Amino acid sequence: PEATRADVLRVHAEDYVARVEAASRGEYVPDAEAFG
């Protein structure tokens, strides 16, 4: 099964995951490079 968002948050920060999600939807993330 796909890992859930909760699974990912066991290791990763909420603000980082939110930016991955936004970028994946094609949204502009102004500070994307600060998050790699």
Full PDB file with SEQRES, HELIX, SHEET, SSBOND, CRYST1, ORIGX, SCALE, CONECT and MASTER records, all heavy atoms in Angstrom:
SEQRES   1 A   36  PRO GLU ALA THR ARG ALA ASP VAL LEU ARG VAL HIS ALA          
SEQRES   2 A   36  GLU ASP TYR VAL ALA ARG VAL GLU ALA ALA SER ARG GLY          
SEQRES   3 A   36  GLU TYR VAL PRO ASP ALA GLU ALA PHE GLY                      
HELIX    1 AA1 ARG A    5  VAL A    8  1                                   4    
HELIX    2 AA2 GLU A   14  SER A   24  1                                  11    
HELIX    3 AA3 ALA A   32  PHE A   35  5                                   4    
CRYST1    1.000    1.000    1.000  90.00  90.00  90.00 P 1           1          
ORIGX1      1.000000  0.000000  0.000000        0.00000                         
ORIGX2      0.000000  1.000000  0.000000        0.00000                         
ORIGX3      0.000000  0.000000  1.000000        0.00000                         
SCALE1      1.000000  0.000000  0.000000        0.00000                         
SCALE2      0.000000  1.000000  0.000000        0.00000                         
SCALE3      0.000000  0.000000  1.000000        0.00000                         
ATOM      1  N   PRO A   1       0.836  -1.199   0.000  1.00  0.00           N  
ATOM      2  CA  PRO A   1       0.000   0.000   0.000  1.00  0.00           C  
ATOM      3  C   PRO A   1       0.871   1.249   0.000  1.00  0.00           C  
ATOM      4  O   PRO A   1       2.039   1.207   0.412  1.00  0.00           O  
ATOM      5  CB  PRO A   1      -0.782  -0.114   1.313  1.00  0.00           C  
ATOM      6  CG  PRO A   1       0.123  -0.905   2.214  1.00  0.00           C  
ATOM      7  CD  PRO A   1       0.847  -1.878   1.310  1.00  0.00           C  
ATOM      8  N   GLU A   2       0.316   2.351  -0.478  1.00  0.00           N  
ATOM      9  CA  GLU A   2       1.025   3.624  -0.368  1.00  0.00           C  
ATOM     10  C   GLU A   2       1.218   3.976   1.097  1.00  0.00           C  
ATOM     11  O   GLU A   2       0.361   3.703   1.938  1.00  0.00           O  
ATOM     12  CB  GLU A   2       0.216   4.741  -1.025  1.00  0.00           C  
ATOM     13  CG  GLU A   2       0.063   4.631  -2.513  1.00  0.00           C  
ATOM     14  CD  GLU A   2      -0.835   5.741  -3.050  1.00  0.00           C  
ATOM     15  OE1 GLU A   2      -0.947   6.808  -2.387  1.00  0.00           O  
ATOM     16  OE2 GLU A   2      -1.440   5.541  -4.119  1.00  0.00           O  
ATOM     17  N   ALA A   3       2.342   4.595   1.396  1.00  0.00           N  
ATOM     18  CA  ALA A   3       2.506   5.173   2.725  1.00  0.00           C  
ATOM     19  C   ALA A   3       1.499   6.309   2.887  1.00  0.00           C  
ATOM     20  O   ALA A   3       1.229   7.055   1.945  1.00  0.00           O  
ATOM     21  CB  ALA A   3       3.924   5.689   2.901  1.00  0.00           C  
ATOM     22  N   THR A   4       0.946   6.427   4.060  1.00  0.00           N  
ATOM     23  CA  THR A   4      -0.001   7.509   4.332  1.00  0.00           C  
ATOM     24  C   THR A   4       0.748   8.790   4.683  1.00  0.00           C  
ATOM     25  O   THR A   4       1.959   8.776   4.956  1.00  0.00           O  
ATOM     26  CB  THR A   4      -0.929   7.139   5.493  1.00  0.00           C  
ATOM     27  OG1 THR A   4      -0.136   7.045   6.701  1.00  0.00           O  
ATOM     28  CG2 THR A   4      -1.625   5.801   5.241  1.00  0.00           C  
ATOM     29  N   ARG A   5       0.018   9.868   4.722  1.00  0.00           N  
ATOM     30  CA  ARG A   5       0.621  11.134   5.150  1.00  0.00           C  
ATOM     31  C   ARG A   5       1.136  11.015   6.581  1.00  0.00           C  
ATOM     32  O   ARG A   5       2.204  11.515   6.923  1.00  0.00           O  
ATOM     33  CB  ARG A   5      -0.415  12.250   5.044  1.00  0.00           C  
ATOM     34  CG  ARG A   5       0.156  13.664   5.143  1.00  0.00           C  
ATOM     35  CD  ARG A   5      -0.937  14.695   4.886  1.00  0.00           C  
ATOM     36  NE  ARG A   5      -0.370  16.001   4.582  1.00  0.00           N  
ATOM     37  CZ  ARG A   5      -0.098  16.918   5.504  1.00  0.00           C  
ATOM     38  NH1 ARG A   5      -0.328  16.657   6.788  1.00  0.00           N  
ATOM     39  NH2 ARG A   5       0.395  18.093   5.146  1.00  0.00           N  
ATOM     40  N   ALA A   6       0.372  10.314   7.423  1.00  0.00           N  
ATOM     41  CA  ALA A   6       0.799  10.119   8.813  1.00  0.00           C  
ATOM     42  C   ALA A   6       2.090   9.322   8.882  1.00  0.00           C  
ATOM     43  O   ALA A   6       2.959   9.594   9.727  1.00  0.00           O  
ATOM     44  CB  ALA A   6      -0.306   9.422   9.607  1.00  0.00           C  
ATOM     45  N   ASP A   7       2.246   8.337   7.994  1.00  0.00           N  
ATOM     46  CA  ASP A   7       3.495   7.571   7.953  1.00  0.00           C  
ATOM     47  C   ASP A   7       4.680   8.488   7.649  1.00  0.00           C  
ATOM     48  O   ASP A   7       5.725   8.410   8.301  1.00  0.00           O  
ATOM     49  CB  ASP A   7       3.428   6.482   6.875  1.00  0.00           C  
ATOM     50  CG  ASP A   7       2.439   5.371   7.177  1.00  0.00           C  
ATOM     51  OD1 ASP A   7       2.211   5.064   8.360  1.00  0.00           O  
ATOM     52  OD2 ASP A   7       1.901   4.809   6.197  1.00  0.00           O  
ATOM     53  N   VAL A   8       4.500   9.339   6.656  1.00  0.00           N  
ATOM     54  CA  VAL A   8       5.576  10.242   6.250  1.00  0.00           C  
ATOM     55  C   VAL A   8       5.921  11.216   7.380  1.00  0.00           C  
ATOM     56  O   VAL A   8       7.096  11.531   7.629  1.00  0.00           O  
ATOM     57  CB  VAL A   8       5.187  10.992   4.965  1.00  0.00           C  
ATOM     58  CG1 VAL A   8       6.217  12.066   4.612  1.00  0.00           C  
ATOM     59  CG2 VAL A   8       5.034  10.010   3.804  1.00  0.00           C  
ATOM     60  N   LEU A   9       4.910  11.665   8.111  1.00  0.00           N  
ATOM     61  CA  LEU A   9       5.124  12.624   9.193  1.00  0.00           C  
ATOM     62  C   LEU A   9       5.803  12.009  10.414  1.00  0.00           C  
ATOM     63  O   LEU A   9       6.185  12.740  11.331  1.00  0.00           O  
ATOM     64  CB  LEU A   9       3.797  13.262   9.605  1.00  0.00           C  
ATOM     65  CG  LEU A   9       3.185  14.216   8.566  1.00  0.00           C  
ATOM     66  CD1 LEU A   9       1.788  14.654   8.999  1.00  0.00           C  
ATOM     67  CD2 LEU A   9       4.079  15.438   8.359  1.00  0.00           C  
ATOM     68  N   ARG A  10       5.993  10.707  10.448  1.00  0.00           N  
ATOM     69  CA  ARG A  10       6.767  10.107  11.530  1.00  0.00           C  
ATOM     70  C   ARG A  10       8.228  10.526  11.450  1.00  0.00           C  
ATOM     71  O   ARG A  10       8.965  10.435  12.428  1.00  0.00           O  
ATOM     72  CB  ARG A  10       6.673   8.571  11.475  1.00  0.00           C  
ATOM     73  CG  ARG A  10       5.343   8.003  11.807  1.00  0.00           C  
ATOM     74  CD  ARG A  10       5.005   8.184  13.297  1.00  0.00           C  
ATOM     75  NE  ARG A  10       5.849   7.357  14.145  1.00  0.00           N  
ATOM     76  CZ  ARG A  10       6.637   7.816  15.119  1.00  0.00           C  
ATOM     77  NH1 ARG A  10       6.704   9.117  15.359  1.00  0.00           N  
ATOM     78  NH2 ARG A  10       7.361   7.001  15.846  1.00  0.00           N  
ATOM     79  N   VAL A  11       8.644  11.006  10.268  1.00  0.00           N  
ATOM     80  CA  VAL A  11      10.034  11.413  10.058  1.00  0.00           C  
ATOM     81  C   VAL A  11      10.128  12.847   9.561  1.00  0.00           C  
ATOM     82  O   VAL A  11      11.025  13.592   9.950  1.00  0.00           O  
ATOM     83  CB  VAL A  11      10.720  10.449   9.059  1.00  0.00           C  
ATOM     84  CG1 VAL A  11      11.976  11.054   8.461  1.00  0.00           C  
ATOM     85  CG2 VAL A  11      11.048   9.125   9.738  1.00  0.00           C  
ATOM     86  N   HIS A  12       9.198  13.256   8.695  1.00  0.00           N  
ATOM     87  CA  HIS A  12       9.324  14.544   8.027  1.00  0.00           C  
ATOM     88  C   HIS A  12       8.451  15.621   8.661  1.00  0.00           C  
ATOM     89  O   HIS A  12       7.378  15.330   9.210  1.00  0.00           O  
ATOM     90  CB  HIS A  12       8.981  14.394   6.545  1.00  0.00           C  
ATOM     91  CG  HIS A  12       9.979  13.583   5.795  1.00  0.00           C  
ATOM     92  ND1 HIS A  12      11.223  14.065   5.466  1.00  0.00           N  
ATOM     93  CD2 HIS A  12       9.923  12.310   5.319  1.00  0.00           C  
ATOM     94  CE1 HIS A  12      11.894  13.129   4.823  1.00  0.00           C  
ATOM     95  NE2 HIS A  12      11.134  12.051   4.725  1.00  0.00           N  
ATOM     96  N   ALA A  13       8.912  16.872   8.526  1.00  0.00           N  
ATOM     97  CA  ALA A  13       8.208  18.019   9.101  1.00  0.00           C  
ATOM     98  C   ALA A  13       6.954  18.348   8.296  1.00  0.00           C  
ATOM     99  O   ALA A  13       6.940  18.239   7.065  1.00  0.00           O  
ATOM    100  CB  ALA A  13       9.144  19.226   9.130  1.00  0.00           C  
ATOM    101  N   GLU A  14       5.938  18.793   9.003  1.00  0.00           N  
ATOM    102  CA  GLU A  14       4.655  19.134   8.385  1.00  0.00           C  
ATOM    103  C   GLU A  14       4.808  20.195   7.307  1.00  0.00           C  
ATOM    104  O   GLU A  14       4.228  20.076   6.219  1.00  0.00           O  
ATOM    105  CB  GLU A  14       3.687  19.621   9.463  1.00  0.00           C  
ATOM    106  CG  GLU A  14       2.446  20.351   8.964  1.00  0.00           C  
ATOM    107  CD  GLU A  14       1.431  19.424   8.310  1.00  0.00           C  
ATOM    108  OE1 GLU A  14       1.281  18.290   8.782  1.00  0.00           O  
ATOM    109  OE2 GLU A  14       0.789  19.852   7.328  1.00  0.00           O  
ATOM    110  N   ASP A  15       5.588  21.255   7.582  1.00  0.00           N  
ATOM    111  CA  ASP A  15       5.705  22.323   6.579  1.00  0.00           C  
ATOM    112  C   ASP A  15       6.425  21.843   5.324  1.00  0.00           C  
ATOM    113  O   ASP A  15       6.139  22.309   4.211  1.00  0.00           O  
ATOM    114  CB  ASP A  15       6.375  23.567   7.159  1.00  0.00           C  
ATOM    115  CG  ASP A  15       7.747  23.303   7.763  1.00  0.00           C  
ATOM    116  OD1 ASP A  15       8.131  22.122   7.901  1.00  0.00           O  
ATOM    117  OD2 ASP A  15       8.441  24.287   8.106  1.00  0.00           O  
ATOM    118  N   TYR A  16       7.336  20.906   5.474  1.00  0.00           N  
ATOM    119  CA  TYR A  16       8.003  20.340   4.302  1.00  0.00           C  
ATOM    120  C   TYR A  16       7.042  19.486   3.487  1.00  0.00           C  
ATOM    121  O   TYR A  16       6.948  19.633   2.261  1.00  0.00           O  
ATOM    122  CB  TYR A  16       9.212  19.508   4.736  1.00  0.00           C  
ATOM    123  CG  TYR A  16       9.818  18.694   3.611  1.00  0.00           C  
ATOM    124  CD1 TYR A  16      10.374  19.317   2.500  1.00  0.00           C  
ATOM    125  CD2 TYR A  16       9.814  17.302   3.649  1.00  0.00           C  
ATOM    126  CE1 TYR A  16      10.927  18.573   1.468  1.00  0.00           C  
ATOM    127  CE2 TYR A  16      10.366  16.549   2.625  1.00  0.00           C  
ATOM    128  CZ  TYR A  16      10.912  17.184   1.532  1.00  0.00           C  
ATOM    129  OH  TYR A  16      11.441  16.455   0.507  1.00  0.00           O  
ATOM    130  N   VAL A  17       6.320  18.592   4.138  1.00  0.00           N  
ATOM    131  CA  VAL A  17       5.379  17.718   3.430  1.00  0.00           C  
ATOM    132  C   VAL A  17       4.326  18.551   2.708  1.00  0.00           C  
ATOM    133  O   VAL A  17       3.956  18.253   1.561  1.00  0.00           O  
ATOM    134  CB  VAL A  17       4.726  16.721   4.412  1.00  0.00           C  
ATOM    135  CG1 VAL A  17       3.632  15.906   3.715  1.00  0.00           C  
ATOM    136  CG2 VAL A  17       5.778  15.790   4.999  1.00  0.00           C  
ATOM    137  N   ALA A  18       3.856  19.610   3.355  1.00  0.00           N  
ATOM    138  CA  ALA A  18       2.860  20.480   2.717  1.00  0.00           C  
ATOM    139  C   ALA A  18       3.407  21.097   1.431  1.00  0.00           C  
ATOM    140  O   ALA A  18       2.672  21.238   0.438  1.00  0.00           O  
ATOM    141  CB  ALA A  18       2.433  21.575   3.690  1.00  0.00           C  
ATOM    142  N   ARG A  19       4.662  21.440   1.402  1.00  0.00           N  
ATOM    143  CA  ARG A  19       5.257  22.024   0.200  1.00  0.00           C  
ATOM    144  C   ARG A  19       5.439  20.975  -0.887  1.00  0.00           C  
ATOM    145  O   ARG A  19       5.261  21.266  -2.078  1.00  0.00           O  
ATOM    146  CB  ARG A  19       6.575  22.706   0.552  1.00  0.00           C  
ATOM    147  CG  ARG A  19       6.342  24.065   1.200  1.00  0.00           C  
ATOM    148  CD  ARG A  19       7.565  24.597   1.911  1.00  0.00           C  
ATOM    149  NE  ARG A  19       7.338  25.953   2.406  1.00  0.00           N  
ATOM    150  CZ  ARG A  19       6.662  26.246   3.508  1.00  0.00           C  
ATOM    151  NH1 ARG A  19       6.103  25.283   4.234  1.00  0.00           N  
ATOM    152  NH2 ARG A  19       6.504  27.498   3.896  1.00  0.00           N  
ATOM    153  N   VAL A  20       5.809  19.750  -0.510  1.00  0.00           N  
ATOM    154  CA  VAL A  20       5.887  18.678  -1.507  1.00  0.00           C  
ATOM    155  C   VAL A  20       4.514  18.465  -2.136  1.00  0.00           C  
ATOM    156  O   VAL A  20       4.380  18.334  -3.368  1.00  0.00           O  
ATOM    157  CB  VAL A  20       6.400  17.371  -0.875  1.00  0.00           C  
ATOM    158  CG1 VAL A  20       6.320  16.222  -1.886  1.00  0.00           C  
ATOM    159  CG2 VAL A  20       7.831  17.532  -0.371  1.00  0.00           C  
ATOM    160  N   GLU A  21       3.489  18.449  -1.314  1.00  0.00           N  
ATOM    161  CA  GLU A  21       2.125  18.241  -1.815  1.00  0.00           C  
ATOM    162  C   GLU A  21       1.699  19.369  -2.750  1.00  0.00           C  
ATOM    163  O   GLU A  21       1.116  19.119  -3.817  1.00  0.00           O  
ATOM    164  CB  GLU A  21       1.154  18.127  -0.634  1.00  0.00           C  
ATOM    165  CG  GLU A  21       1.363  16.872   0.207  1.00  0.00           C  
ATOM    166  CD  GLU A  21       0.592  16.900   1.506  1.00  0.00           C  
ATOM    167  OE1 GLU A  21       0.317  18.011   2.021  1.00  0.00           O  
ATOM    168  OE2 GLU A  21       0.273  15.816   2.027  1.00  0.00           O  
ATOM    169  N   ALA A  22       1.986  20.594  -2.352  1.00  0.00           N  
ATOM    170  CA  ALA A  22       1.590  21.738  -3.179  1.00  0.00           C  
ATOM    171  C   ALA A  22       2.330  21.726  -4.519  1.00  0.00           C  
ATOM    172  O   ALA A  22       1.729  21.925  -5.577  1.00  0.00           O  
ATOM    173  CB  ALA A  22       1.864  23.041  -2.425  1.00  0.00           C  
ATOM    174  N   ALA A  23       3.626  21.476  -4.472  1.00  0.00           N  
ATOM    175  CA  ALA A  23       4.405  21.424  -5.714  1.00  0.00           C  
ATOM    176  C   ALA A  23       3.915  20.299  -6.613  1.00  0.00           C  
ATOM    177  O   ALA A  23       3.879  20.437  -7.843  1.00  0.00           O  
ATOM    178  CB  ALA A  23       5.885  21.241  -5.385  1.00  0.00           C  
ATOM    179  N   SER A  24       3.502  19.186  -6.011  1.00  0.00           N  
ATOM    180  CA  SER A  24       3.013  18.043  -6.784  1.00  0.00           C  
ATOM    181  C   SER A  24       1.710  18.351  -7.506  1.00  0.00           C  
ATOM    182  O   SER A  24       1.409  17.743  -8.538  1.00  0.00           O  
ATOM    183  CB  SER A  24       2.805  16.841  -5.849  1.00  0.00           C  
ATOM    184  OG  SER A  24       4.017  16.474  -5.222  1.00  0.00           O  
ATOM    185  N   ARG A  25       0.948  19.295  -6.956  1.00  0.00           N  
ATOM    186  CA  ARG A  25      -0.317  19.721  -7.594  1.00  0.00           C  
ATOM    187  C   ARG A  25      -0.088  20.813  -8.630  1.00  0.00           C  
ATOM    188  O   ARG A  25      -1.039  21.292  -9.251  1.00  0.00           O  
ATOM    189  CB  ARG A  25      -1.295  20.229  -6.533  1.00  0.00           C  
ATOM    190  CG  ARG A  25      -1.768  19.169  -5.549  1.00  0.00           C  
ATOM    191  CD  ARG A  25      -2.911  19.709  -4.687  1.00  0.00           C  
ATOM    192  NE  ARG A  25      -2.491  20.800  -3.835  1.00  0.00           N  
ATOM    193  CZ  ARG A  25      -2.086  20.684  -2.559  1.00  0.00           C  
ATOM    194  NH1 ARG A  25      -2.034  19.469  -2.006  1.00  0.00           N  
ATOM    195  NH2 ARG A  25      -1.732  21.727  -1.845  1.00  0.00           N  
ATOM    196  N   GLY A  26       1.163  21.202  -8.830  1.00  0.00           N  
ATOM    197  CA  GLY A  26       1.465  22.239  -9.802  1.00  0.00           C  
ATOM    198  C   GLY A  26       1.354  23.643  -9.258  1.00  0.00           C  
ATOM    199  O   GLY A  26       1.427  24.608 -10.021  1.00  0.00           O  
ATOM    200  N   GLU A  27       1.204  23.780  -7.949  1.00  0.00           N  
ATOM    201  CA  GLU A  27       1.108  25.112  -7.345  1.00  0.00           C  
ATOM    202  C   GLU A  27       2.497  25.740  -7.223  1.00  0.00           C  
ATOM    203  O   GLU A  27       3.504  25.045  -7.072  1.00  0.00           O  
ATOM    204  CB  GLU A  27       0.459  25.010  -5.958  1.00  0.00           C  
ATOM    205  CG  GLU A  27      -0.966  24.468  -5.984  1.00  0.00           C  
ATOM    206  CD  GLU A  27      -1.538  24.260  -4.585  1.00  0.00           C  
ATOM    207  OE1 GLU A  27      -0.954  24.794  -3.622  1.00  0.00           O  
ATOM    208  OE2 GLU A  27      -2.550  23.547  -4.464  1.00  0.00           O  
ATOM    209  N   TYR A  28       2.525  27.048  -7.275  1.00  0.00           N  
ATOM    210  CA  TYR A  28       3.783  27.765  -7.104  1.00  0.00           C  
ATOM    211  C   TYR A  28       4.169  27.769  -5.632  1.00  0.00           C  
ATOM    212  O   TYR A  28       3.372  28.159  -4.765  1.00  0.00           O  
ATOM    213  CB  TYR A  28       3.652  29.207  -7.616  1.00  0.00           C  
ATOM    214  CG  TYR A  28       4.863  30.061  -7.346  1.00  0.00           C  
ATOM    215  CD1 TYR A  28       6.106  29.732  -7.900  1.00  0.00           C  
ATOM    216  CD2 TYR A  28       4.765  31.190  -6.534  1.00  0.00           C  
ATOM    217  CE1 TYR A  28       7.221  30.511  -7.649  1.00  0.00           C  
ATOM    218  CE2 TYR A  28       5.878  31.981  -6.285  1.00  0.00           C  
ATOM    219  CZ  TYR A  28       7.111  31.632  -6.842  1.00  0.00           C  
ATOM    220  OH  TYR A  28       8.208  32.397  -6.593  1.00  0.00           O  
ATOM    221  N   VAL A  29       5.365  27.318  -5.331  1.00  0.00           N  
ATOM    222  CA  VAL A  29       5.871  27.294  -3.956  1.00  0.00           C  
ATOM    223  C   VAL A  29       7.063  28.246  -3.915  1.00  0.00           C  
ATOM    224  O   VAL A  29       8.166  27.897  -4.365  1.00  0.00           O  
ATOM    225  CB  VAL A  29       6.293  25.866  -3.544  1.00  0.00           C  
ATOM    226  CG1 VAL A  29       6.835  25.855  -2.113  1.00  0.00           C  
ATOM    227  CG2 VAL A  29       5.132  24.890  -3.688  1.00  0.00           C  
ATOM    228  N   PRO A  30       6.879  29.474  -3.398  1.00  0.00           N  
ATOM    229  CA  PRO A  30       7.927  30.496  -3.512  1.00  0.00           C  
ATOM    230  C   PRO A  30       9.232  30.138  -2.808  1.00  0.00           C  
ATOM    231  O   PRO A  30      10.306  30.572  -3.237  1.00  0.00           O  
ATOM    232  CB  PRO A  30       7.285  31.741  -2.886  1.00  0.00           C  
ATOM    233  CG  PRO A  30       6.153  31.233  -2.058  1.00  0.00           C  
ATOM    234  CD  PRO A  30       5.667  29.999  -2.738  1.00  0.00           C  
ATOM    235  N   ASP A  31       9.163  29.358  -1.734  1.00  0.00           N  
ATOM    236  CA  ASP A  31      10.374  29.012  -1.003  1.00  0.00           C  
ATOM    237  C   ASP A  31      10.783  27.557  -1.241  1.00  0.00           C  
ATOM    238  O   ASP A  31      11.406  26.914  -0.395  1.00  0.00           O  
ATOM    239  CB  ASP A  31      10.203  29.270   0.494  1.00  0.00           C  
ATOM    240  CG  ASP A  31       8.983  28.555   1.080  1.00  0.00           C  
ATOM    241  OD1 ASP A  31       8.224  27.931   0.316  1.00  0.00           O  
ATOM    242  OD2 ASP A  31       8.804  28.625   2.317  1.00  0.00           O  
ATOM    243  N   ALA A  32      10.424  27.025  -2.409  1.00  0.00           N  
ATOM    244  CA  ALA A  32      10.678  25.607  -2.696  1.00  0.00           C  
ATOM    245  C   ALA A  32      12.155  25.247  -2.539  1.00  0.00           C  
ATOM    246  O   ALA A  32      12.498  24.211  -1.951  1.00  0.00           O  
ATOM    247  CB  ALA A  32      10.209  25.264  -4.110  1.00  0.00           C  
ATOM    248  N   GLU A  33      13.046  26.113  -3.038  1.00  0.00           N  
ATOM    249  CA  GLU A  33      14.470  25.769  -2.995  1.00  0.00           C  
ATOM    250  C   GLU A  33      14.992  25.680  -1.570  1.00  0.00           C  
ATOM    251  O   GLU A  33      15.920  24.916  -1.291  1.00  0.00           O  
ATOM    252  CB  GLU A  33      15.282  26.774  -3.803  1.00  0.00           C  
ATOM    253  CG  GLU A  33      15.083  26.632  -5.309  1.00  0.00           C  
ATOM    254  CD  GLU A  33      16.125  27.400  -6.102  1.00  0.00           C  
ATOM    255  OE1 GLU A  33      17.229  27.649  -5.560  1.00  0.00           O  
ATOM    256  OE2 GLU A  33      15.841  27.748  -7.255  1.00  0.00           O  
ATOM    257  N   ALA A  34      14.398  26.427  -0.648  1.00  0.00           N  
ATOM    258  CA  ALA A  34      14.811  26.341   0.755  1.00  0.00           C  
ATOM    259  C   ALA A  34      14.515  24.964   1.332  1.00  0.00           C  
ATOM    260  O   ALA A  34      15.124  24.568   2.328  1.00  0.00           O  
ATOM    261  CB  ALA A  34      14.115  27.423   1.580  1.00  0.00           C  
ATOM    262  N   PHE A  35      13.599  24.242   0.705  1.00  0.00           N  
ATOM    263  CA  PHE A  35      13.241  22.895   1.139  1.00  0.00           C  
ATOM    264  C   PHE A  35      13.817  21.833   0.202  1.00  0.00           C  
ATOM    265  O   PHE A  35      13.387  20.683   0.234  1.00  0.00           O  
ATOM    266  CB  PHE A  35      11.722  22.765   1.233  1.00  0.00           C  
ATOM    267  CG  PHE A  35      11.128  23.557   2.369  1.00  0.00           C  
ATOM    268  CD1 PHE A  35      10.826  24.898   2.215  1.00  0.00           C  
ATOM    269  CD2 PHE A  35      10.894  22.961   3.603  1.00  0.00           C  
ATOM    270  CE1 PHE A  35      10.288  25.640   3.262  1.00  0.00           C  
ATOM    271  CE2 PHE A  35      10.366  23.687   4.654  1.00  0.00           C  
ATOM    272  CZ  PHE A  35      10.060  25.028   4.491  1.00  0.00           C  
ATOM    273  N   GLY A  36      14.773  22.238  -0.641  1.00  0.00           N  
ATOM    274  CA  GLY A  36      15.438  21.302  -1.534  1.00  0.00           C  
ATOM    275  C   GLY A  36      14.638  20.906  -2.753  1.00  0.00           C  
ATOM    276  O   GLY A  36      15.031  19.984  -3.477  1.00  0.00           O  
TER     277      GLY A  36                                                      
MASTER        0    0    0    3    0    0    0    6  276    1    0    3          
END                                                                             
